[in-house]
Amino acid sequence: MIAALLLAAAAAGGFPAADRPVAAIVSDRWSDEATRDRQGEARTVIRWAGVRPGMSVADVGAGEGYYTVRLARAVAPGGRVVAQDIVPDYRARLAARIAREKVAGVDTLLGTPDDPKLAAGAFDRIFLIHMYHEIESPYAFLWRLRPALKPGGLVAIVDADRPTGQHGTPPALLDCELRSVGFAPAGRRAIPRAGAYLALYRAAGARPAPAAIRPCKG
């Protein structure tokens, strides 16, 4: 196991590999939008995350754009949303949706599995919605994501409390992986109707050197 982790770390630029299953990306749609609206998840998450007009936010792993369009409404007027995905076809379909629905203040961005490609110091909030368990290289990804926060900014993660191989992330594991790259918990609340939870994190202290990161057992 140790040898395999060292090999994976070398291949990932010095970052350790995830010591737990990584769920496959199966769709750009987590659930149909009418059902999600009835559950009130997005409305609840956006409110609890403190999103306000004029903010700059990122929707990482945006998929079909369910959160993107709702975040765009929440930050208007004067706000900005960057909708990112790593699948070129998903990004293209989302860009077409944004144009078709005339959603203002949204840009789309193509990232990579280990780098969200977000601009440094640009975002008040960064959202990772029902996708954290699909991140192939969480330590490299989070390490590169952290500089994108503005001072006082927050990362907001929504996931289910179940094993990563079952398309969820146990809260204790999420806390461990975020702490390992220099994030501190800033609040967590259950979303029972959606079978999920919202966890907030802020940058705390210095980022560790990649080789100093120790993977969390999941």
Protein backbone atom coordinates (compact mmCIF):
# COMPACT_ATOMS: atom_id res chain seq x y z
CA MET A 1 0.00 0.00 0.00
CA ILE A 2 2.77 2.47 0.93
CA ALA A 3 4.65 1.75 -2.30
CA ALA A 4 1.50 2.25 -4.35
CA LEU A 5 0.82 5.58 -2.65
CA LEU A 6 4.35 6.77 -3.27
CA LEU A 7 4.11 5.86 -6.95
CA ALA A 8 0.78 7.64 -7.25
CA ALA A 9 2.19 10.69 -5.48
CA ALA A 10 5.12 10.85 -7.86
CA ALA A 11 2.78 10.64 -10.83
CA ALA A 12 0.60 13.44 -9.40
CA GLY A 13 3.41 15.96 -8.97
CA GLY A 14 4.25 15.09 -5.36
CA PHE A 15 0.69 14.95 -4.03
CA PRO A 16 -0.57 11.79 -2.32
CA ALA A 17 -3.29 9.75 -3.96
CA ALA A 18 -6.69 9.39 -2.33
CA ASP A 19 -6.61 6.46 0.10
CA ARG A 20 -10.28 5.64 -0.52
CA PRO A 21 -12.53 4.84 -3.49
CA VAL A 22 -13.20 7.51 -6.10
CA ALA A 23 -16.69 7.40 -7.58
CA ALA A 24 -17.10 7.46 -11.35
CA ILE A 25 -18.65 10.44 -13.11
CA VAL A 26 -21.91 8.99 -14.39
CA SER A 27 -23.90 12.02 -15.56
CA ASP A 28 -24.01 15.82 -15.73
CA ARG A 29 -27.34 15.61 -13.89
CA TRP A 30 -27.63 14.66 -10.20
CA SER A 31 -31.47 14.65 -10.26
CA ASP A 32 -34.18 16.35 -12.28
CA GLU A 33 -34.57 20.06 -11.59
CA ALA A 34 -38.24 19.98 -10.60
CA THR A 35 -37.51 17.41 -7.89
CA ARG A 36 -34.55 19.40 -6.60
CA ASP A 37 -36.64 22.57 -6.51
CA ARG A 38 -39.34 20.79 -4.50
CA GLN A 39 -36.72 19.63 -2.02
CA GLY A 40 -35.51 23.22 -1.72
CA GLU A 41 -31.86 22.20 -1.61
CA ALA A 42 -30.36 25.00 -3.73
CA ARG A 43 -32.41 27.70 -2.01
CA THR A 44 -31.30 26.38 1.38
CA VAL A 45 -27.63 25.98 0.44
CA ILE A 46 -27.37 29.42 -1.16
CA ARG A 47 -28.92 31.04 1.90
CA TRP A 48 -26.79 29.12 4.44
CA ALA A 49 -23.64 29.87 2.45
CA GLY A 50 -24.37 33.59 2.75
CA VAL A 51 -24.48 34.34 -0.97
CA ARG A 52 -25.37 37.98 -1.63
CA PRO A 53 -25.80 40.30 -4.63
CA GLY A 54 -22.50 41.46 -6.06
CA MET A 55 -20.51 38.40 -4.99
CA SER A 56 -18.19 36.42 -7.22
CA VAL A 57 -18.83 32.67 -6.96
CA ALA A 58 -17.63 29.48 -8.66
CA ASP A 59 -19.75 26.41 -9.37
CA VAL A 60 -17.15 23.64 -9.68
CA GLY A 61 -18.35 20.50 -11.42
CA ALA A 62 -21.32 22.49 -12.69
CA GLY A 63 -22.68 19.77 -14.96
CA GLU A 64 -26.00 20.81 -16.49
CA GLY A 65 -25.96 24.09 -14.56
CA TYR A 66 -28.73 23.59 -12.02
CA TYR A 67 -26.83 25.55 -9.37
CA THR A 68 -25.22 27.87 -11.91
CA VAL A 69 -28.46 29.52 -12.98
CA ARG A 70 -29.71 29.83 -9.40
CA LEU A 71 -26.43 31.28 -8.20
CA ALA A 72 -26.55 33.80 -11.04
CA ARG A 73 -29.92 35.02 -9.76
CA ALA A 74 -28.63 35.17 -6.17
CA VAL A 75 -25.58 37.34 -7.00
CA ALA A 76 -27.46 39.72 -9.30
CA PRO A 77 -27.13 42.59 -9.75
CA GLY A 78 -23.42 43.05 -10.21
CA GLY A 79 -22.27 39.53 -9.32
CA ARG A 80 -20.43 36.92 -11.33
CA VAL A 81 -20.56 33.14 -11.60
CA VAL A 82 -17.85 30.93 -13.10
CA ALA A 83 -19.29 27.53 -14.02
CA GLN A 84 -16.50 24.95 -14.27
CA ASP A 85 -16.43 21.35 -15.38
CA ILE A 86 -13.76 18.89 -16.51
CA VAL A 87 -15.87 17.22 -19.22
CA PRO A 88 -15.75 19.25 -22.46
CA ASP A 89 -19.20 18.09 -23.59
CA TYR A 90 -20.76 19.10 -20.26
CA ARG A 91 -19.16 22.53 -20.50
CA ALA A 92 -20.37 22.97 -24.08
CA ARG A 93 -23.93 22.02 -23.19
CA LEU A 94 -23.91 24.36 -20.21
CA ALA A 95 -22.60 27.24 -22.33
CA ALA A 96 -25.44 26.58 -24.79
CA ARG A 97 -27.96 26.62 -21.94
CA ILE A 98 -26.61 29.91 -20.58
CA ALA A 99 -26.92 31.49 -24.02
CA ARG A 100 -30.36 29.99 -24.71
CA GLU A 101 -31.80 31.10 -21.36
CA LYS A 102 -29.97 34.46 -21.48
CA VAL A 103 -28.48 34.00 -18.01
CA ALA A 104 -26.41 37.09 -17.27
CA GLY A 105 -23.10 37.20 -15.42
CA VAL A 106 -21.96 33.63 -16.12
CA ASP A 107 -18.71 32.42 -17.69
CA THR A 108 -17.85 28.78 -18.31
CA LEU A 109 -14.44 27.22 -17.67
CA LEU A 110 -12.83 23.86 -18.45
CA GLY A 111 -10.77 22.44 -15.60
CA THR A 112 -8.77 19.25 -15.17
CA PRO A 113 -9.18 16.40 -12.66
CA ASP A 114 -6.41 17.76 -10.41
CA ASP A 115 -6.80 21.51 -11.01
CA PRO A 116 -10.02 23.57 -11.08
CA LYS A 117 -8.16 26.33 -13.01
CA LEU A 118 -9.81 29.10 -10.99
CA ALA A 119 -8.21 32.56 -10.94
CA ALA A 120 -6.33 33.46 -7.77
CA GLY A 121 -8.07 35.67 -5.22
CA ALA A 122 -11.25 35.85 -7.29
CA PHE A 123 -14.09 34.21 -5.36
CA ASP A 124 -16.21 34.92 -2.30
CA ARG A 125 -17.72 31.42 -2.45
CA ILE A 126 -16.70 28.23 -4.25
CA PHE A 127 -19.36 25.51 -4.51
CA LEU A 128 -18.73 21.77 -4.97
CA ILE A 129 -22.17 20.21 -5.21
CA HIS A 130 -22.68 16.42 -5.15
CA MET A 131 -19.33 15.89 -6.86
CA TYR A 132 -16.57 15.82 -4.22
CA HIS A 133 -16.55 12.00 -4.19
CA GLU A 134 -15.73 12.07 -7.94
CA ILE A 135 -12.51 14.09 -7.58
CA GLU A 136 -9.68 11.79 -8.68
CA SER A 137 -6.85 13.68 -6.95
CA PRO A 138 -8.45 15.49 -3.99
CA TYR A 139 -5.23 16.73 -2.38
CA ALA A 140 -3.82 18.25 -5.57
CA PHE A 141 -7.25 19.61 -6.49
CA LEU A 142 -7.92 21.26 -3.12
CA TRP A 143 -4.36 22.59 -2.83
CA ARG A 144 -4.75 24.33 -6.19
CA LEU A 145 -8.28 25.50 -5.40
CA ARG A 146 -7.40 27.26 -2.14
CA PRO A 147 -5.68 30.34 -3.65
CA ALA A 148 -8.87 31.15 -5.61
CA LEU A 149 -10.64 32.32 -2.44
CA LYS A 150 -10.79 35.99 -1.54
CA PRO A 151 -9.90 36.88 2.06
CA GLY A 152 -12.82 35.66 4.16
CA GLY A 153 -14.11 33.46 1.33
CA LEU A 154 -15.65 30.04 1.85
CA VAL A 155 -15.74 26.69 0.11
CA ALA A 156 -19.24 25.15 0.26
CA ILE A 157 -19.50 21.38 -0.25
CA VAL A 158 -22.76 19.47 -0.52
CA ASP A 159 -22.63 15.68 -0.39
CA ALA A 160 -24.39 12.65 1.07
CA ASP A 161 -23.18 10.98 4.28
CA ARG A 162 -22.19 7.63 2.82
CA PRO A 163 -18.96 6.02 1.52
CA THR A 164 -17.23 7.66 -1.44
CA GLY A 165 -17.66 4.51 -3.51
CA GLN A 166 -21.42 4.98 -3.08
CA HIS A 167 -21.41 8.59 -4.32
CA GLY A 168 -21.12 10.35 -0.99
CA THR A 169 -18.47 11.48 1.49
CA PRO A 170 -18.57 10.83 5.25
CA PRO A 171 -18.26 14.21 7.04
CA ALA A 172 -15.27 13.09 9.13
CA LEU A 173 -13.38 12.07 5.99
CA LEU A 174 -14.25 15.36 4.30
CA ASP A 175 -12.98 17.32 7.31
CA CYS A 176 -9.75 15.31 7.32
CA GLU A 177 -9.02 15.81 3.63
CA LEU A 178 -9.78 19.55 3.75
CA ARG A 179 -7.69 20.06 6.89
CA SER A 180 -4.76 18.27 5.28
CA VAL A 181 -4.35 21.06 2.70
CA GLY A 182 -5.00 24.00 4.99
CA PHE A 183 -8.76 24.44 5.36
CA ALA A 184 -10.67 24.74 8.63
CA PRO A 185 -14.34 23.84 9.12
CA ALA A 186 -16.63 26.89 9.20
CA GLY A 187 -19.98 25.16 9.77
CA ARG A 188 -22.04 22.15 8.76
CA ARG A 189 -25.80 21.64 8.50
CA ALA A 190 -27.94 18.70 7.47
CA ILE A 191 -30.29 18.95 4.49
CA PRO A 192 -32.64 16.07 5.36
CA ARG A 193 -35.09 16.49 2.47
CA ALA A 194 -32.24 16.14 -0.01
CA GLY A 195 -30.50 13.35 1.94
CA ALA A 196 -27.37 15.47 2.14
CA TYR A 197 -25.38 17.95 4.20
CA LEU A 198 -23.67 21.29 3.56
CA ALA A 199 -20.13 21.77 4.90
CA LEU A 200 -18.36 25.14 4.83
CA TYR A 201 -14.59 25.65 4.97
CA ARG A 202 -12.25 28.62 5.14
CA ALA A 203 -8.53 28.86 4.41
CA ALA A 204 -6.48 28.63 7.61
CA GLY A 205 -2.72 29.02 7.93
CA ALA A 206 -0.22 28.24 5.22
CA ARG A 207 -0.67 25.60 2.56
CA PRO A 208 1.53 22.59 3.29
CA ALA A 209 4.14 21.44 0.82
CA PRO A 210 2.62 18.72 -1.39
CA ALA A 211 5.05 16.10 -0.10
CA ALA A 212 4.05 16.90 3.50
CA ILE A 213 0.37 16.06 2.96
CA ARG A 214 -0.71 12.81 4.57
CA PRO A 215 -3.71 11.06 3.00
CA CYS A 216 -6.78 10.35 5.10
CA LYS A 217 -8.08 6.80 5.32
CA GLY A 218 -11.61 6.49 3.97
